[in-house]
């Protein structure tokens, strides 16, 4: 019987955080949702309006025998601007802040180590500002948000490009492609 684990990351709009993880062997599913706040069963409108404490995030169910948590962290870093703690790209505010939500002490240590390694690499001129916080209850987003890149590929591609995310990734991570 397979033993799956969870990884939870916030990197701005959750639409843009599903596809990068969804393409790897060992990733069983990627769910868009909300976490980190206090309001039970939040809606998209409530989270966007603010005051819930929730952040848009993705929760990844993965097989650690096929893909490691460290590999997932590496994928995460390459999807965001790790120097911006006030949102990501065109999306601003707490509901779009970048966060690594750890599920256990091992993930906490791996997250801290990867953040320190990225800072030490001097890839970015500014400090790495991604929060590392304990995982809280995760609430799946509404169905229309799930697998958005598959359901609305044209809209997804326009948003990914026009938000500034696509160009940022090419500029800062082109050597890893």
Protein backbone atom coordinates (compact mmCIF):
# COMPACT_ATOMS: atom_id res chain seq x y z
CA UNK A 1 0.00 0.00 0.00
CA UNK A 2 1.37 3.41 -1.00
CA UNK A 3 2.03 6.00 1.67
CA UNK A 4 1.19 9.46 0.42
CA UNK A 5 2.19 12.74 2.02
CA UNK A 6 0.93 16.30 1.77
CA UNK A 7 2.75 19.46 0.78
CA UNK A 8 1.06 22.86 0.90
CA UNK A 9 2.37 25.96 -0.85
CA UNK A 10 1.02 29.45 -1.45
CA UNK A 11 2.50 31.37 -4.35
CA UNK A 12 0.00 33.95 -5.45
CA UNK A 13 -2.94 32.99 -7.61
CA UNK A 14 -3.53 29.29 -7.17
CA UNK A 15 -4.41 28.91 -10.86
CA UNK A 16 -0.72 29.36 -11.67
CA UNK A 17 0.50 27.00 -8.96
CA UNK A 18 -1.27 23.82 -10.08
CA UNK A 19 0.25 23.12 -13.49
CA UNK A 20 3.93 23.28 -12.40
CA UNK A 21 3.39 20.45 -9.89
CA UNK A 22 0.76 18.50 -11.82
CA UNK A 23 3.22 17.38 -14.50
CA UNK A 24 5.56 15.34 -12.23
CA UNK A 25 5.50 11.61 -11.64
CA UNK A 26 4.72 10.95 -8.01
CA UNK A 27 2.30 13.87 -7.70
CA UNK A 28 -1.05 12.20 -7.22
CA UNK A 29 -3.18 15.34 -7.12
CA UNK A 30 -2.97 19.10 -6.74
CA UNK A 31 -5.93 20.89 -5.17
CA UNK A 32 -6.49 24.65 -5.20
CA UNK A 33 -7.79 26.07 -1.96
CA UNK A 34 -7.50 28.33 1.04
CA UNK A 35 -5.50 27.92 4.23
CA UNK A 36 -3.85 29.78 7.06
CA UNK A 37 -6.88 31.64 8.30
CA UNK A 38 -9.61 31.35 10.87
CA UNK A 39 -12.86 31.46 8.88
CA UNK A 40 -14.36 28.01 8.35
CA UNK A 41 -15.34 27.04 4.80
CA UNK A 42 -14.27 30.32 3.18
CA UNK A 43 -15.41 31.24 -0.30
CA UNK A 44 -13.30 32.82 -3.02
CA UNK A 45 -15.11 36.13 -2.57
CA UNK A 46 -14.51 36.12 1.20
CA UNK A 47 -10.80 35.35 0.83
CA UNK A 48 -10.33 38.00 -1.88
CA UNK A 49 -12.19 40.60 0.18
CA UNK A 50 -9.79 40.04 3.08
CA UNK A 51 -10.17 39.61 6.79
CA UNK A 52 -10.30 35.81 6.74
CA UNK A 53 -6.56 35.32 7.26
CA UNK A 54 -6.61 32.76 4.45
CA UNK A 55 -4.16 32.57 1.59
CA UNK A 56 -4.76 31.02 -1.81
CA UNK A 57 -2.69 27.84 -1.85
CA UNK A 58 -2.28 24.44 -3.42
CA UNK A 59 -2.23 21.19 -1.51
CA UNK A 60 -0.25 18.44 -3.16
CA UNK A 61 -0.70 14.75 -2.44
CA UNK A 62 2.53 13.03 -3.39
CA UNK A 63 4.34 9.71 -3.23
CA UNK A 64 7.69 10.37 -1.50
CA UNK A 65 9.10 7.24 -3.14
CA UNK A 66 8.74 8.93 -6.54
CA UNK A 67 9.20 12.64 -5.77
CA UNK A 68 10.76 14.10 -2.66
CA UNK A 69 9.62 17.04 -0.60
CA UNK A 70 12.90 18.74 -1.48
CA UNK A 71 12.06 18.38 -5.18
CA UNK A 72 8.64 19.93 -4.53
CA UNK A 73 10.33 22.83 -2.74
CA UNK A 74 12.62 23.34 -5.75
CA UNK A 75 9.58 23.45 -8.04
CA UNK A 76 7.84 25.89 -5.67
CA UNK A 77 10.73 28.36 -5.60
CA UNK A 78 10.81 28.45 -9.40
CA UNK A 79 7.16 29.59 -9.63
CA UNK A 80 7.32 32.69 -7.47
CA UNK A 81 9.13 35.93 -6.71
CA UNK A 82 10.56 34.92 -3.34
CA UNK A 83 11.53 38.52 -2.51
CA UNK A 84 7.94 39.78 -2.48
CA UNK A 85 5.97 39.04 0.69
CA UNK A 86 3.03 41.32 -0.21
CA UNK A 87 1.57 39.19 -2.98
CA UNK A 88 2.78 37.76 -6.24
CA UNK A 89 3.05 39.57 -9.55
CA UNK A 90 -0.29 41.25 -10.42
CA UNK A 91 -1.98 39.80 -7.34
CA UNK A 92 -1.49 41.88 -4.20
CA UNK A 93 -2.41 41.45 -0.58
CA UNK A 94 -2.31 38.83 2.15
CA UNK A 95 -4.45 36.34 0.27
CA UNK A 96 -1.70 36.12 -2.37
CA UNK A 97 1.38 36.08 -0.12
CA UNK A 98 3.95 33.32 -0.65
CA UNK A 99 4.07 30.73 2.13
CA UNK A 100 5.43 27.25 2.70
CA UNK A 101 2.97 25.51 5.04
CA UNK A 102 4.81 22.60 6.65
CA UNK A 103 3.05 19.45 7.87
CA UNK A 104 5.78 18.06 10.14
CA UNK A 105 9.22 18.81 11.56
CA UNK A 106 10.98 17.21 8.60
CA UNK A 107 9.19 19.56 6.19
CA UNK A 108 9.98 22.52 8.44
CA UNK A 109 13.68 21.70 8.37
CA UNK A 110 13.67 21.10 4.61
CA UNK A 111 11.83 24.40 4.03
CA UNK A 112 14.24 26.35 6.23
CA UNK A 113 17.26 24.73 4.55
CA UNK A 114 15.96 25.42 1.05
CA UNK A 115 15.16 29.04 1.91
CA UNK A 116 18.65 29.52 3.38
CA UNK A 117 20.24 27.91 0.31
CA UNK A 118 18.31 30.19 -2.03
CA UNK A 119 19.34 33.24 -0.02
CA UNK A 120 22.99 32.10 -0.01
CA UNK A 121 22.91 31.55 -3.79
CA UNK A 122 22.59 35.33 -4.37
CA UNK A 123 20.28 34.59 -7.31
CA UNK A 124 18.18 37.50 -6.07
CA UNK A 125 19.48 40.93 -5.02
CA UNK A 126 16.89 41.27 -2.25
CA UNK A 127 16.22 39.07 0.79
CA UNK A 128 14.04 35.96 0.48
CA UNK A 129 10.76 36.87 2.21
CA UNK A 130 8.69 33.70 1.92
CA UNK A 131 6.99 32.78 5.20
CA UNK A 132 7.30 29.28 6.62
CA UNK A 133 4.30 28.43 8.80
CA UNK A 134 2.65 25.34 10.26
CA UNK A 135 -0.09 23.89 8.07
CA UNK A 136 -3.63 24.67 9.13
CA UNK A 137 -6.90 23.26 7.90
CA UNK A 138 -7.05 23.37 4.11
CA UNK A 139 -10.34 24.20 2.39
CA UNK A 140 -10.62 23.20 -1.28
CA UNK A 141 -11.66 26.06 -3.54
CA UNK A 142 -14.79 26.00 -5.61
CA UNK A 143 -14.89 23.49 -8.49
CA UNK A 144 -14.42 26.12 -11.19
CA UNK A 145 -10.96 26.90 -9.73
CA UNK A 146 -9.77 23.28 -9.81
CA UNK A 147 -7.47 22.38 -12.73
CA UNK A 148 -8.10 25.81 -14.23
CA UNK A 149 -5.18 25.46 -16.65
CA UNK A 150 -6.97 22.46 -18.22
CA UNK A 151 -10.52 23.80 -18.09
CA UNK A 152 -9.67 27.28 -19.42
CA UNK A 153 -6.29 26.93 -21.19
CA UNK A 154 -6.51 30.19 -23.16
CA UNK A 155 -7.55 32.24 -20.13
CA UNK A 156 -4.85 30.56 -18.04
CA UNK A 157 -2.11 31.29 -20.59
CA UNK A 158 -3.15 34.95 -20.90
CA UNK A 159 -3.25 35.38 -17.14
CA UNK A 160 0.10 33.59 -16.61
CA UNK A 161 1.73 35.91 -19.14
CA UNK A 162 -0.04 39.19 -18.38
CA UNK A 163 0.41 38.89 -14.60
CA UNK A 164 4.18 39.09 -15.07
CA UNK A 165 4.79 35.57 -13.76
CA UNK A 166 5.89 34.00 -17.06
CA UNK A 167 8.51 36.65 -17.82
CA UNK A 168 9.82 36.61 -14.24
CA UNK A 169 10.28 32.83 -14.33
CA UNK A 170 12.12 33.02 -17.65
CA UNK A 171 14.35 35.85 -16.42
CA UNK A 172 15.28 34.31 -13.09
CA UNK A 173 15.16 30.58 -13.73
CA UNK A 174 16.00 30.19 -17.44
CA UNK A 175 19.19 28.30 -16.58
CA UNK A 176 17.09 25.54 -14.92
CA UNK A 177 14.80 24.88 -17.86
